[in-house]
C-alpha atoms as a PDB file:
ATOM      1  CA  MET A   1     143.724 -16.840 -39.573  1.00  0.00           C
ATOM      2  CA  ALA A   2     142.322 -13.953 -41.644  1.00  0.00           C
ATOM      3  CA  SER A   3     141.689 -10.747 -39.738  1.00  0.00           C
ATOM      4  CA  LYS A   4     138.104  -9.581 -39.286  1.00  0.00           C
ATOM      5  CA  SER A   5     137.122  -7.026 -41.932  1.00  0.00           C
ATOM      6  CA  LYS A   6     136.338  -3.503 -40.783  1.00  0.00           C
ATOM      7  CA  VAL A   7     132.802  -2.160 -40.559  1.00  0.00           C
ATOM      8  CA  ILE A   8     132.806   1.283 -42.168  1.00  0.00           C
ATOM      9  CA  ASP A   9     130.049   3.892 -42.243  1.00  0.00           C
ATOM     10  CA  VAL A  10     130.752   6.077 -45.289  1.00  0.00           C
ATOM     11  CA  ASN A  11     128.115   8.694 -44.493  1.00  0.00           C
ATOM     12  CA  MET A  12     128.473  10.326 -41.078  1.00  0.00           C
ATOM     13  CA  HIS A  13     127.531  13.985 -40.982  1.00  0.00           C
ATOM     14  CA  PHE A  14     129.955  16.651 -39.801  1.00  0.00           C
ATOM     15  CA  LEU A  15     129.332  20.281 -38.888  1.00  0.00           C
ATOM     16  CA  PRO A  16     131.786  22.835 -37.478  1.00  0.00           C
ATOM     17  CA  THR A  17     132.130  22.299 -33.751  1.00  0.00           C
ATOM     18  CA  ASN A  18     131.564  26.034 -33.152  1.00  0.00           C
ATOM     19  CA  LEU A  19     128.535  26.405 -35.446  1.00  0.00           C
ATOM     20  CA  PHE A  20     126.259  27.239 -32.526  1.00  0.00           C
ATOM     21  CA  THR A  21     128.731  29.395 -30.598  1.00  0.00           C
ATOM     22  CA  ASP A  22     130.543  31.454 -33.265  1.00  0.00           C
ATOM     23  CA  GLU A  23     128.339  34.087 -34.856  1.00  0.00           C
ATOM     24  CA  GLU A  24     130.599  34.418 -37.911  1.00  0.00           C
ATOM     25  CA  VAL A  25     130.445  30.687 -38.640  1.00  0.00           C
ATOM     26  CA  LEU A  26     126.707  30.519 -37.993  1.00  0.00           C
ATOM     27  CA  ASN A  27     126.007  33.445 -40.314  1.00  0.00           C
ATOM     28  CA  GLY A  28     128.338  31.949 -42.903  1.00  0.00           C
ATOM     29  CA  PHE A  29     126.026  28.951 -43.010  1.00  0.00           C
ATOM     30  CA  LEU A  30     122.683  30.703 -42.712  1.00  0.00           C
ATOM     31  CA  TYR A  31     123.374  33.299 -45.385  1.00  0.00           C
ATOM     32  CA  SER A  32     124.967  30.916 -47.877  1.00  0.00           C
ATOM     33  CA  ALA A  33     121.607  29.174 -48.364  1.00  0.00           C
ATOM     34  CA  PRO A  34     119.755  30.638 -51.389  1.00  0.00           C
ATOM     35  CA  ILE A  35     117.249  32.520 -49.260  1.00  0.00           C
ATOM     36  CA  THR A  36     116.382  34.878 -52.124  1.00  0.00           C
ATOM     37  CA  PHE A  37     115.021  31.846 -54.013  1.00  0.00           C
ATOM     38  CA  GLY A  38     112.430  30.979 -51.385  1.00  0.00           C
ATOM     39  CA  MET A  39     114.420  29.158 -48.714  1.00  0.00           C
ATOM     40  CA  LYS A  40     114.343  30.278 -45.085  1.00  0.00           C
ATOM     41  CA  ALA A  41     117.398  29.522 -42.928  1.00  0.00           C
ATOM     42  CA  TYR A  42     117.462  30.430 -39.258  1.00  0.00           C
ATOM     43  CA  LEU A  43     118.559  29.465 -35.747  1.00  0.00           C
ATOM     44  CA  GLY A  44     115.729  28.013 -33.678  1.00  0.00           C
ATOM     45  CA  GLU A  45     115.072  25.519 -30.907  1.00  0.00           C
ATOM     46  CA  THR A  46     113.968  21.893 -30.780  1.00  0.00           C
ATOM     47  CA  PRO A  47     110.231  21.437 -30.099  1.00  0.00           C
ATOM     48  CA  ASP A  48     110.835  20.887 -26.371  1.00  0.00           C
ATOM     49  CA  GLY A  49     113.020  24.009 -26.185  1.00  0.00           C
ATOM     50  CA  SER A  50     115.993  22.120 -24.778  1.00  0.00           C
ATOM     51  CA  LYS A  51     118.478  22.589 -27.633  1.00  0.00           C
ATOM     52  CA  LYS A  52     119.372  24.998 -30.399  1.00  0.00           C
ATOM     53  CA  GLN A  53     118.984  23.892 -33.987  1.00  0.00           C
ATOM     54  CA  VAL A  54     119.701  25.275 -37.445  1.00  0.00           C
ATOM     55  CA  ILE A  55     116.554  24.997 -39.538  1.00  0.00           C
ATOM     56  CA  LEU A  56     116.027  25.270 -43.285  1.00  0.00           C
ATOM     57  CA  GLU A  57     112.515  25.648 -44.614  1.00  0.00           C
ATOM     58  CA  TYR A  58     111.600  25.155 -48.254  1.00  0.00           C
ATOM     59  CA  PRO A  59     109.076  26.299 -49.134  1.00  0.00           C
ATOM     60  CA  GLU A  60     108.821  28.707 -46.234  1.00  0.00           C
ATOM     61  CA  GLY A  61     106.902  27.161 -43.367  1.00  0.00           C
ATOM     62  CA  LYS A  62     107.877  23.571 -44.210  1.00  0.00           C
ATOM     63  CA  GLN A  63     111.071  22.260 -42.650  1.00  0.00           C
ATOM     64  CA  ILE A  64     113.486  20.378 -44.900  1.00  0.00           C
ATOM     65  CA  LEU A  65     116.701  20.349 -42.806  1.00  0.00           C
ATOM     66  CA  ASN A  66     117.346  20.332 -39.056  1.00  0.00           C
ATOM     67  CA  TYR A  67     120.818  20.391 -37.456  1.00  0.00           C
ATOM     68  CA  VAL A  68     120.611  20.017 -33.664  1.00  0.00           C
ATOM     69  CA  ASP A  69     123.306  21.300 -31.291  1.00  0.00           C
ATOM     70  CA  GLY A  70     125.151  18.483 -29.516  1.00  0.00           C
ATOM     71  CA  ASP A  71     124.491  15.827 -32.162  1.00  0.00           C
ATOM     72  CA  TYR A  72     127.769  16.401 -33.980  1.00  0.00           C
ATOM     73  CA  THR A  73     130.434  16.093 -31.278  1.00  0.00           C
ATOM     74  CA  LEU A  74     133.257  13.562 -31.414  1.00  0.00           C
ATOM     75  CA  GLU A  75     132.015  11.935 -28.222  1.00  0.00           C
ATOM     76  CA  THR A  76     128.511  11.463 -29.671  1.00  0.00           C
ATOM     77  CA  LYS A  77     129.950   9.919 -32.819  1.00  0.00           C
ATOM     78  CA  ILE A  78     132.298   7.470 -31.082  1.00  0.00           C
ATOM     79  CA  ARG A  79     129.644   6.391 -28.581  1.00  0.00           C
ATOM     80  CA  ALA A  80     127.157   5.622 -31.367  1.00  0.00           C
ATOM     81  CA  MET A  81     129.817   3.784 -33.385  1.00  0.00           C
ATOM     82  CA  ASP A  82     130.759   1.609 -30.422  1.00  0.00           C
ATOM     83  CA  GLU A  83     127.142   0.744 -29.707  1.00  0.00           C
ATOM     84  CA  ALA A  84     126.445  -0.118 -33.363  1.00  0.00           C
ATOM     85  CA  GLY A  85     129.675  -2.052 -33.996  1.00  0.00           C
ATOM     86  CA  VAL A  86     131.130   0.437 -36.511  1.00  0.00           C
ATOM     87  CA  ASP A  87     134.934   0.534 -36.662  1.00  0.00           C
ATOM     88  CA  ILE A  88     135.483   3.567 -38.909  1.00  0.00           C
ATOM     89  CA  ALA A  89     133.182   6.388 -39.993  1.00  0.00           C
ATOM     90  CA  MET A  90     133.690   8.785 -42.875  1.00  0.00           C
ATOM     91  CA  LEU A  91     132.831  12.415 -42.222  1.00  0.00           C
ATOM     92  CA  ARG A  92     131.028  14.508 -44.786  1.00  0.00           C
ATOM     93  CA  MET A  93     129.079  17.724 -44.750  1.00  0.00           C
ATOM     94  CA  PRO A  94     125.330  17.188 -44.979  1.00  0.00           C
ATOM     95  CA  VAL A  95     123.152  18.934 -47.535  1.00  0.00           C
ATOM     96  CA  TRP A  96     124.405  22.462 -46.812  1.00  0.00           C
ATOM     97  CA  GLN A  97     127.537  21.691 -48.821  1.00  0.00           C
ATOM     98  CA  GLU A  98     125.589  22.585 -51.970  1.00  0.00           C
ATOM     99  CA  TRP A  99     125.778  26.287 -51.080  1.00  0.00           C
ATOM    100  CA  LEU A 100     128.911  26.643 -48.954  1.00  0.00           C
ATOM    101  CA  PRO A 101     131.474  29.263 -50.101  1.00  0.00           C
ATOM    102  CA  LEU A 102     135.211  28.632 -50.010  1.00  0.00           C
ATOM    103  CA  ASP A 103     135.893  30.468 -46.740  1.00  0.00           C
ATOM    104  CA  MET A 104     133.327  28.305 -44.934  1.00  0.00           C
ATOM    105  CA  CYS A 105     134.637  25.176 -46.664  1.00  0.00           C
ATOM    106  CA  LYS A 106     138.102  25.885 -45.270  1.00  0.00           C
ATOM    107  CA  ILE A 107     136.688  26.096 -41.736  1.00  0.00           C
ATOM    108  CA  VAL A 108     134.785  22.831 -42.215  1.00  0.00           C
ATOM    109  CA  ASN A 109     137.834  21.034 -43.622  1.00  0.00           C
ATOM    110  CA  THR A 110     140.210  22.217 -40.908  1.00  0.00           C
ATOM    111  CA  GLN A 111     137.830  21.277 -38.112  1.00  0.00           C
ATOM    112  CA  ALA A 112     136.990  17.900 -39.672  1.00  0.00           C
ATOM    113  CA  ALA A 113     140.692  17.071 -39.920  1.00  0.00           C
ATOM    114  CA  GLU A 114     141.174  18.043 -36.274  1.00  0.00           C
ATOM    115  CA  MET A 115     138.294  15.790 -35.216  1.00  0.00           C
ATOM    116  CA  CYS A 116     139.750  12.907 -37.246  1.00  0.00           C
ATOM    117  CA  LYS A 117     143.093  13.359 -35.511  1.00  0.00           C
ATOM    118  CA  ARG A 118     141.446  13.335 -32.092  1.00  0.00           C
ATOM    119  CA  SER A 119     139.508  10.182 -32.992  1.00  0.00           C
ATOM    120  CA  GLU A 120     142.744   8.129 -33.112  1.00  0.00           C
ATOM    121  CA  GLY A 121     141.889   6.372 -36.356  1.00  0.00           C
ATOM    122  CA  ARG A 122     138.144   5.989 -35.881  1.00  0.00           C
ATOM    123  CA  LEU A 123     137.215   8.827 -38.269  1.00  0.00           C
ATOM    124  CA  VAL A 124     138.308   9.831 -41.763  1.00  0.00           C
ATOM    125  CA  ALA A 125     136.975  12.702 -43.851  1.00  0.00           C
ATOM    126  CA  ASN A 126     136.119  13.950 -47.326  1.00  0.00           C
ATOM    127  CA  ALA A 127     137.133  17.365 -48.605  1.00  0.00           C
ATOM    128  CA  VAL A 128     134.445  20.017 -49.049  1.00  0.00           C
ATOM    129  CA  VAL A 129     135.267  22.454 -51.855  1.00  0.00           C
ATOM    130  CA  PRO A 130     133.148  24.620 -54.192  1.00  0.00           C
ATOM    131  CA  PRO A 131     132.776  22.684 -57.467  1.00  0.00           C
ATOM    132  CA  TYR A 132     134.156  25.179 -59.981  1.00  0.00           C
ATOM    133  CA  GLY A 133     137.789  24.252 -60.418  1.00  0.00           C
ATOM    134  CA  ARG A 134     139.134  27.732 -59.731  1.00  0.00           C
ATOM    135  CA  LYS A 135     142.752  27.871 -58.634  1.00  0.00           C
ATOM    136  CA  GLU A 136     141.760  28.677 -55.067  1.00  0.00           C
ATOM    137  CA  ASP A 137     139.328  25.729 -55.021  1.00  0.00           C
ATOM    138  CA  VAL A 138     141.970  23.336 -56.329  1.00  0.00           C
ATOM    139  CA  ASP A 139     144.505  24.652 -53.818  1.00  0.00           C
ATOM    140  CA  GLU A 140     142.070  23.862 -51.000  1.00  0.00           C
ATOM    141  CA  LEU A 141     141.416  20.374 -52.399  1.00  0.00           C
ATOM    142  CA  LYS A 142     145.165  19.694 -52.499  1.00  0.00           C
ATOM    143  CA  ARG A 143     145.538  20.989 -48.933  1.00  0.00           C
ATOM    144  CA  CYS A 144     142.836  18.584 -47.807  1.00  0.00           C
ATOM    145  CA  ILE A 145     144.355  15.547 -49.517  1.00  0.00           C
ATOM    146  CA  GLU A 146     148.066  16.245 -49.167  1.00  0.00           C
ATOM    147  CA  GLU A 147     148.227  18.064 -45.816  1.00  0.00           C
ATOM    148  CA  LEU A 148     145.074  17.147 -43.897  1.00  0.00           C
ATOM    149  CA  GLY A 149     145.062  13.484 -44.929  1.00  0.00           C
ATOM    150  CA  MET A 150     141.528  13.353 -46.290  1.00  0.00           C
ATOM    151  CA  VAL A 151     140.567  10.251 -48.259  1.00  0.00           C
ATOM    152  CA  GLY A 152     138.119  11.621 -50.819  1.00  0.00           C
ATOM    153  CA  VAL A 153     136.113  14.599 -51.960  1.00  0.00           C
ATOM    154  CA  GLN A 154     132.407  15.265 -51.719  1.00  0.00           C
ATOM    155  CA  LEU A 155     130.031  16.836 -54.193  1.00  0.00           C
ATOM    156  CA  ALA A 156     126.327  17.569 -54.234  1.00  0.00           C
ATOM    157  CA  CYS A 157     124.411  15.562 -56.823  1.00  0.00           C
ATOM    158  CA  CYS A 158     123.240  18.892 -58.205  1.00  0.00           C
ATOM    159  CA  TYR A 159     123.760  22.557 -57.509  1.00  0.00           C
ATOM    160  CA  GLY A 160     120.437  24.277 -57.925  1.00  0.00           C
ATOM    161  CA  ASP A 161     119.180  23.016 -61.273  1.00  0.00           C
ATOM    162  CA  ARG A 162     122.652  22.158 -62.579  1.00  0.00           C
ATOM    163  CA  PHE A 163     123.775  18.542 -62.376  1.00  0.00           C
ATOM    164  CA  LEU A 164     127.370  17.347 -62.553  1.00  0.00           C
ATOM    165  CA  ASP A 165     127.209  16.757 -66.324  1.00  0.00           C
ATOM    166  CA  ASP A 166     126.883  20.543 -66.777  1.00  0.00           C
ATOM    167  CA  PRO A 167     129.995  22.085 -68.419  1.00  0.00           C
ATOM    168  CA  LEU A 168     130.194  24.457 -65.441  1.00  0.00           C
ATOM    169  CA  PHE A 169     131.764  21.632 -63.418  1.00  0.00           C
ATOM    170  CA  ASP A 170     134.154  20.311 -66.085  1.00  0.00           C
ATOM    171  CA  PRO A 171     137.261  22.071 -64.706  1.00  0.00           C
ATOM    172  CA  TYR A 172     136.744  20.537 -61.265  1.00  0.00           C
ATOM    173  CA  LEU A 173     135.911  17.048 -62.563  1.00  0.00           C
ATOM    174  CA  LYS A 174     139.085  17.195 -64.654  1.00  0.00           C
ATOM    175  CA  VAL A 175     141.140  17.848 -61.497  1.00  0.00           C
ATOM    176  CA  ILE A 176     139.421  15.056 -59.541  1.00  0.00           C
ATOM    177  CA  ASN A 177     140.010  12.698 -62.461  1.00  0.00           C
ATOM    178  CA  GLU A 178     143.698  13.617 -62.689  1.00  0.00           C
ATOM    179  CA  MET A 179     144.186  13.260 -58.931  1.00  0.00           C
ATOM    180  CA  ASN A 180     142.254   9.966 -59.032  1.00  0.00           C
ATOM    181  CA  ILE A 181     140.234  10.824 -55.915  1.00  0.00           C
ATOM    182  CA  PRO A 182     136.975   8.999 -55.115  1.00  0.00           C
ATOM    183  CA  ALA A 183     133.981  11.311 -54.746  1.00  0.00           C
ATOM    184  CA  VAL A 184     130.943  10.851 -52.532  1.00  0.00           C
ATOM    185  CA  ILE A 185     127.900  12.419 -54.173  1.00  0.00           C
ATOM    186  CA  HIS A 186     125.512  13.633 -51.489  1.00  0.00           C
ATOM    187  CA  HIS A 187     121.807  14.150 -52.045  1.00  0.00           C
ATOM    188  CA  THR A 188     120.015  17.491 -51.933  1.00  0.00           C
ATOM    189  CA  PRO A 189     116.453  18.226 -50.760  1.00  0.00           C
ATOM    190  CA  GLY A 190     115.287  17.772 -54.351  1.00  0.00           C
ATOM    191  CA  GLN A 191     114.446  21.331 -55.246  1.00  0.00           C
ATOM    192  CA  ASN A 192     114.556  20.489 -58.965  1.00  0.00           C
ATOM    193  CA  ALA A 193     110.934  19.342 -58.875  1.00  0.00           C
ATOM    194  CA  PHE A 194     110.006  20.412 -55.396  1.00  0.00           C
ATOM    195  CA  THR A 195     106.396  21.350 -56.055  1.00  0.00           C
ATOM    196  CA  ASN A 196     105.726  17.652 -56.594  1.00  0.00           C
ATOM    197  CA  PHE A 197     106.706  16.755 -53.016  1.00  0.00           C
ATOM    198  CA  SER A 198     106.254  19.794 -50.798  1.00  0.00           C
ATOM    199  CA  ASP A 199     102.813  19.038 -49.336  1.00  0.00           C
ATOM    200  CA  TYR A 200     103.747  15.874 -47.435  1.00  0.00           C
ATOM    201  CA  THR A 201     106.596  15.499 -44.949  1.00  0.00           C
ATOM    202  CA  VAL A 202     107.865  12.052 -45.989  1.00  0.00           C
ATOM    203  CA  LEU A 203     107.724  12.946 -49.681  1.00  0.00           C
ATOM    204  CA  ARG A 204     109.466  16.255 -49.001  1.00  0.00           C
ATOM    205  CA  ARG A 205     112.230  14.728 -46.911  1.00  0.00           C
ATOM    206  CA  GLU A 206     112.745  11.380 -48.672  1.00  0.00           C
ATOM    207  CA  LEU A 207     111.316  11.312 -52.204  1.00  0.00           C
ATOM    208  CA  GLY A 208     112.793  14.708 -53.025  1.00  0.00           C
ATOM    209  CA  ARG A 209     116.281  13.430 -52.255  1.00  0.00           C
ATOM    210  CA  VAL A 210     115.689  10.131 -54.071  1.00  0.00           C
ATOM    211  CA  HIS A 211     114.399  11.957 -57.139  1.00  0.00           C
ATOM    212  CA  ALA A 212     117.426  14.243 -57.328  1.00  0.00           C
ATOM    213  CA  GLN A 213     119.880  11.337 -56.980  1.00  0.00           C
ATOM    214  CA  ALA A 214     118.194   9.202 -59.660  1.00  0.00           C
ATOM    215  CA  ALA A 215     118.203  12.130 -62.063  1.00  0.00           C
ATOM    216  CA  ALA A 216     121.881  12.731 -61.276  1.00  0.00           C
ATOM    217  CA  VAL A 217     122.969   9.141 -61.969  1.00  0.00           C
ATOM    218  CA  GLY A 218     120.987   8.986 -65.199  1.00  0.00           C
ATOM    219  CA  ARG A 219     122.421  12.261 -66.460  1.00  0.00           C
ATOM    220  CA  GLU A 220     125.972  11.208 -65.604  1.00  0.00           C
ATOM    221  CA  LEU A 221     125.604   7.923 -67.490  1.00  0.00           C
ATOM    222  CA  TYR A 222     124.099   9.457 -70.616  1.00  0.00           C
ATOM    223  CA  SER A 223     126.300  12.558 -70.711  1.00  0.00           C
ATOM    224  CA  GLY A 224     129.521  10.648 -71.394  1.00  0.00           C
ATOM    225  CA  ILE A 225     131.470  12.346 -68.581  1.00  0.00           C
ATOM    226  CA  PHE A 226     132.916   8.961 -67.602  1.00  0.00           C
ATOM    227  CA  ALA A 227     134.298   8.492 -71.110  1.00  0.00           C
ATOM    228  CA  LYS A 228     135.937  11.913 -70.793  1.00  0.00           C
ATOM    229  CA  TYR A 229     137.074  11.332 -67.198  1.00  0.00           C
ATOM    230  CA  PRO A 230     137.483   7.556 -66.779  1.00  0.00           C
ATOM    231  CA  ASN A 231     139.141   7.730 -63.340  1.00  0.00           C
ATOM    232  CA  LEU A 232     136.063   9.212 -61.680  1.00  0.00           C
ATOM    233  CA  LYS A 233     134.596   7.047 -58.947  1.00  0.00           C
ATOM    234  CA  PHE A 234     131.226   8.421 -57.828  1.00  0.00           C
ATOM    235  CA  ILE A 235     129.541   6.986 -54.721  1.00  0.00           C
ATOM    236  CA  HIS A 236     125.918   8.186 -54.751  1.00  0.00           C
ATOM    237  CA  THR A 237     123.822   8.266 -51.582  1.00  0.00           C
ATOM    238  CA  MET A 238     120.394   6.628 -51.196  1.00  0.00           C
ATOM    239  CA  PHE A 239     121.289   3.867 -53.683  1.00  0.00           C
ATOM    240  CA  GLY A 240     121.573   6.533 -56.357  1.00  0.00           C
ATOM    241  CA  GLY A 241     117.866   7.233 -55.977  1.00  0.00           C
ATOM    242  CA  ASN A 242     116.729   3.573 -56.038  1.00  0.00           C
ATOM    243  CA  PHE A 243     118.819   3.017 -59.144  1.00  0.00           C
ATOM    244  CA  PHE A 244     118.624  -0.752 -58.701  1.00  0.00           C
ATOM    245  CA  ALA A 245     114.937  -0.451 -59.642  1.00  0.00           C
ATOM    246  CA  LEU A 246     115.651   1.879 -62.578  1.00  0.00           C
ATOM    247  CA  GLN A 247     118.787   0.317 -64.041  1.00  0.00           C
ATOM    248  CA  GLU A 248     117.077  -1.708 -66.767  1.00  0.00           C
ATOM    249  CA  ILE A 249     114.279   0.656 -67.704  1.00  0.00           C
ATOM    250  CA  LEU A 250     116.773   3.505 -68.147  1.00  0.00           C
ATOM    251  CA  ALA A 251     119.275   1.404 -70.098  1.00  0.00           C
ATOM    252  CA  PRO A 252     119.662   1.807 -73.883  1.00  0.00           C
ATOM    253  CA  HIS A 253     117.778  -0.988 -75.627  1.00  0.00           C
ATOM    254  CA  ALA A 254     118.455  -1.917 -79.247  1.00  0.00           C
ATOM    255  CA  ALA A 255     115.267  -2.818 -81.105  1.00  0.00           C
ATOM    256  CA  LYS A 256     115.191  -6.325 -82.548  1.00  0.00           C
ATOM    257  CA  LYS A 257     112.595  -5.319 -85.094  1.00  0.00           C
ATOM    258  CA  LYS A 258     112.313  -2.208 -87.220  1.00  0.00           C
ATOM    259  CA  GLU A 259     109.863   0.228 -85.679  1.00  0.00           C
ATOM    260  CA  ALA A 260     107.951   3.006 -87.427  1.00  0.00           C
ATOM    261  CA  MET A 261     109.567   5.396 -84.958  1.00  0.00           C
ATOM    262  CA  ASN A 262     112.255   4.908 -82.337  1.00  0.00           C
ATOM    263  CA  ARG A 263     110.882   6.809 -79.352  1.00  0.00           C
ATOM    264  CA  LEU A 264     113.815   5.965 -77.063  1.00  0.00           C
ATOM    265  CA  THR A 265     116.904   6.891 -79.005  1.00  0.00           C
ATOM    266  CA  ALA A 266     120.012   6.781 -76.823  1.00  0.00           C
ATOM    267  CA  ASP A 267     123.218   8.780 -76.986  1.00  0.00           C
ATOM    268  CA  ILE A 268     125.348   5.894 -75.704  1.00  0.00           C
ATOM    269  CA  SER A 269     125.489   2.162 -76.346  1.00  0.00           C
ATOM    270  CA  ARG A 270     124.377  -0.505 -73.911  1.00  0.00           C
ATOM    271  CA  GLU A 271     128.019  -1.541 -73.659  1.00  0.00           C
ATOM    272  CA  ASP A 272     129.015   1.972 -72.552  1.00  0.00           C
ATOM    273  CA  TYR A 273     126.122   2.137 -70.102  1.00  0.00           C
ATOM    274  CA  ASP A 274     127.127  -1.142 -68.481  1.00  0.00           C
ATOM    275  CA  GLU A 275     130.810  -0.181 -68.482  1.00  0.00           C
ATOM    276  CA  PHE A 276     130.167   3.140 -66.709  1.00  0.00           C
ATOM    277  CA  LEU A 277     128.050   1.401 -64.066  1.00  0.00           C
ATOM    278  CA  LYS A 278     130.786  -1.164 -63.572  1.00  0.00           C
ATOM    279  CA  ASN A 279     133.768   1.202 -63.407  1.00  0.00           C
ATOM    280  CA  ASN A 280     132.495   4.609 -62.291  1.00  0.00           C
ATOM    281  CA  ILE A 281     129.262   4.424 -60.270  1.00  0.00           C
ATOM    282  CA  TYR A 282     128.867   3.043 -56.748  1.00  0.00           C
ATOM    283  CA  PHE A 283     126.035   3.348 -54.285  1.00  0.00           C
ATOM    284  CA  ASP A 284     125.958   4.473 -50.676  1.00  0.00           C
ATOM    285  CA  MET A 285     123.215   2.434 -48.961  1.00  0.00           C
ATOM    286  CA  THR A 286     122.271   5.443 -46.800  1.00  0.00           C
ATOM    287  CA  HIS A 287     120.340   4.112 -43.807  1.00  0.00           C
ATOM    288  CA  PRO A 288     119.876   0.505 -45.076  1.00  0.00           C
ATOM    289  CA  MET A 289     117.323  -0.373 -42.408  1.00  0.00           C
ATOM    290  CA  SER A 290     114.810   2.003 -44.023  1.00  0.00           C
ATOM    291  CA  TRP A 291     114.737   0.136 -47.328  1.00  0.00           C
ATOM    292  CA  GLY A 292     113.656  -3.338 -46.229  1.00  0.00           C
ATOM    293  CA  THR A 293     115.385  -6.675 -46.707  1.00  0.00           C
ATOM    294  CA  ALA A 294     113.783  -7.427 -50.087  1.00  0.00           C
ATOM    295  CA  GLN A 295     114.981  -4.092 -51.504  1.00  0.00           C
ATOM    296  CA  LEU A 296     118.499  -4.556 -50.103  1.00  0.00           C
ATOM    297  CA  GLU A 297     118.732  -8.004 -51.671  1.00  0.00           C
ATOM    298  CA  CYS A 298     117.422  -6.657 -54.977  1.00  0.00           C
ATOM    299  CA  ALA A 299     120.058  -3.918 -54.940  1.00  0.00           C
ATOM    300  CA  ALA A 300     122.816  -6.450 -54.257  1.00  0.00           C
ATOM    301  CA  LYS A 301     121.588  -8.681 -57.078  1.00  0.00           C
ATOM    302  CA  VAL A 302     121.183  -5.892 -59.650  1.00  0.00           C
ATOM    303  CA  CYS A 303     124.054  -3.545 -58.773  1.00  0.00           C
ATOM    304  CA  GLY A 304     126.424  -6.124 -57.313  1.00  0.00           C
ATOM    305  CA  ALA A 305     127.443  -6.322 -53.670  1.00  0.00           C
ATOM    306  CA  ASP A 306     130.847  -5.006 -54.740  1.00  0.00           C
ATOM    307  CA  HIS A 307     129.176  -1.683 -55.645  1.00  0.00           C
ATOM    308  CA  LEU A 308     127.312  -1.005 -52.378  1.00  0.00           C
ATOM    309  CA  LEU A 309     128.733   0.827 -49.345  1.00  0.00           C
ATOM    310  CA  MET A 310     127.070   1.118 -45.949  1.00  0.00           C
ATOM    311  CA  GLY A 311     126.105   4.629 -44.871  1.00  0.00           C
ATOM    312  CA  SER A 312     123.898   5.859 -42.028  1.00  0.00           C
ATOM    313  CA  SER A 313     123.527   9.674 -42.284  1.00  0.00           C
ATOM    314  CA  PHE A 314     124.138   9.731 -38.515  1.00  0.00           C
ATOM    315  CA  PRO A 315     123.031  11.719 -36.523  1.00  0.00           C
ATOM    316  CA  VAL A 316     119.797  12.320 -38.470  1.00  0.00           C
ATOM    317  CA  PHE A 317     118.465   9.298 -36.578  1.00  0.00           C
ATOM    318  CA  TYR A 318     120.473   7.201 -34.138  1.00  0.00           C
ATOM    319  CA  GLU A 319     118.426   4.170 -35.236  1.00  0.00           C
ATOM    320  CA  TRP A 320     119.705   4.455 -38.796  1.00  0.00           C
ATOM    321  CA  MET A 321     123.220   3.660 -37.639  1.00  0.00           C
ATOM    322  CA  ALA A 322     122.206   1.236 -34.909  1.00  0.00           C
ATOM    323  CA  ARG A 323     120.276  -0.975 -37.309  1.00  0.00           C
ATOM    324  CA  SER A 324     122.348  -0.555 -40.499  1.00  0.00           C
ATOM    325  CA  VAL A 325     124.807  -3.336 -39.669  1.00  0.00           C
ATOM    326  CA  ALA A 326     122.035  -5.681 -38.544  1.00  0.00           C
ATOM    327  CA  SER A 327     120.022  -4.969 -41.699  1.00  0.00           C
ATOM    328  CA  ILE A 328     122.905  -6.058 -43.913  1.00  0.00           C
ATOM    329  CA  ASP A 329     123.565  -9.104 -41.725  1.00  0.00           C
ATOM    330  CA  ALA A 330     119.897 -10.122 -42.217  1.00  0.00           C
ATOM    331  CA  MET A 331     120.247 -10.231 -46.014  1.00  0.00           C
ATOM    332  CA  ASN A 332     120.129 -13.598 -47.756  1.00  0.00           C
ATOM    333  CA  VAL A 333     123.524 -13.178 -49.411  1.00  0.00           C
ATOM    334  CA  SER A 334     126.936 -14.699 -48.795  1.00  0.00           C
ATOM    335  CA  ASP A 335     129.126 -13.661 -45.870  1.00  0.00           C
ATOM    336  CA  GLU A 336     131.643 -12.402 -48.413  1.00  0.00           C
ATOM    337  CA  ASP A 337     129.050 -10.063 -49.933  1.00  0.00           C
ATOM    338  CA  LYS A 338     128.013  -8.817 -46.496  1.00  0.00           C
ATOM    339  CA  ALA A 339     131.626  -8.049 -45.658  1.00  0.00           C
ATOM    340  CA  LEU A 340     132.016  -6.080 -48.895  1.00  0.00           C
ATOM    341  CA  MET A 341     128.952  -3.959 -48.200  1.00  0.00           C
ATOM    342  CA  LYS A 342     129.775  -3.375 -44.537  1.00  0.00           C
ATOM    343  CA  GLY A 343     133.301  -2.198 -45.183  1.00  0.00           C
ATOM    344  CA  GLY A 344     135.315  -4.045 -47.798  1.00  0.00           C
ATOM    345  CA  ASN A 345     134.246  -1.824 -50.683  1.00  0.00           C
ATOM    346  CA  ALA A 346     134.967   1.330 -48.701  1.00  0.00           C
ATOM    347  CA  GLN A 347     138.409   0.042 -47.768  1.00  0.00           C
ATOM    348  CA  ARG A 348     139.190  -0.619 -51.412  1.00  0.00           C
ATOM    349  CA  LEU A 349     137.805   2.580 -52.940  1.00  0.00           C
ATOM    350  CA  PHE A 350     139.204   4.963 -50.306  1.00  0.00           C
ATOM    351  CA  ASN A 351     142.422   3.033 -49.683  1.00  0.00           C
ATOM    352  CA  LEU A 352     141.720   2.777 -45.957  1.00  0.00           C
END
């Protein structure tokens, strides 16, 4: 009899366990955020005053990130996993990774590895490293993979206004390609076009992230970085910014009839576009229950169930994890496809 496939959450947030008690670590986080560019990072309290929280406002006066003390402990993680029916969760830094310097990354990586060890197989982790490919960055990546037992690396979908197709990141992508390490590509608050979203909370906290991810996937496909680095496996959060809805409209289309002017010239062929989506791009379903059954089924049909991985962003909302498994189970797809999305794809890509 075949063994039951694992249920794997590929997007569980991790913060240093001493973030709220060690002033050096706290300041390392607060002052790595680009506060001179209009962000405000500070230690505050939850609205009821019961807990400490790290808050990021952008623009000032409008909260975009909240990290609450007590939400990130091993005990909280395991309890939520047991209640939701999740066998394994993959730790990654939340949005702050975009700004974190190497010394803070080392603290995050060491503590994440320690938490994984204490979890007795329930947790695995991705390496957090600045994306520049300097010798010291590469040394830390190798420490994470070879010594700490991490299963992948994480990147932000963009760093400020620079996306991963920027030549700035070529040295690091070359190393990831040579080491053949899968990379989770986490969203950012969407500062690239933030004035479009900042007035309304849901737009600021959801559409901003979706916008940044969709732009990232499109740029990666059209830049040719996957032709240069064919071993890259990018797993983008939030369905790559709803990419299942954008996949055809953003694809190169050859005109069947001569036009007076080709307004949509493409730098790659449709064959390349399809090949990169097949071999190099995967999608983290980050909090599936928020999308709705029709959208989940559309994503599975367009992107392929073999390209979707369940992720919850726990502990942003407990409900996102609690209902993620049930949301996939409610889809009108085969049991085999459900098993792939709930854990099979993660097992394959991260060699779990």
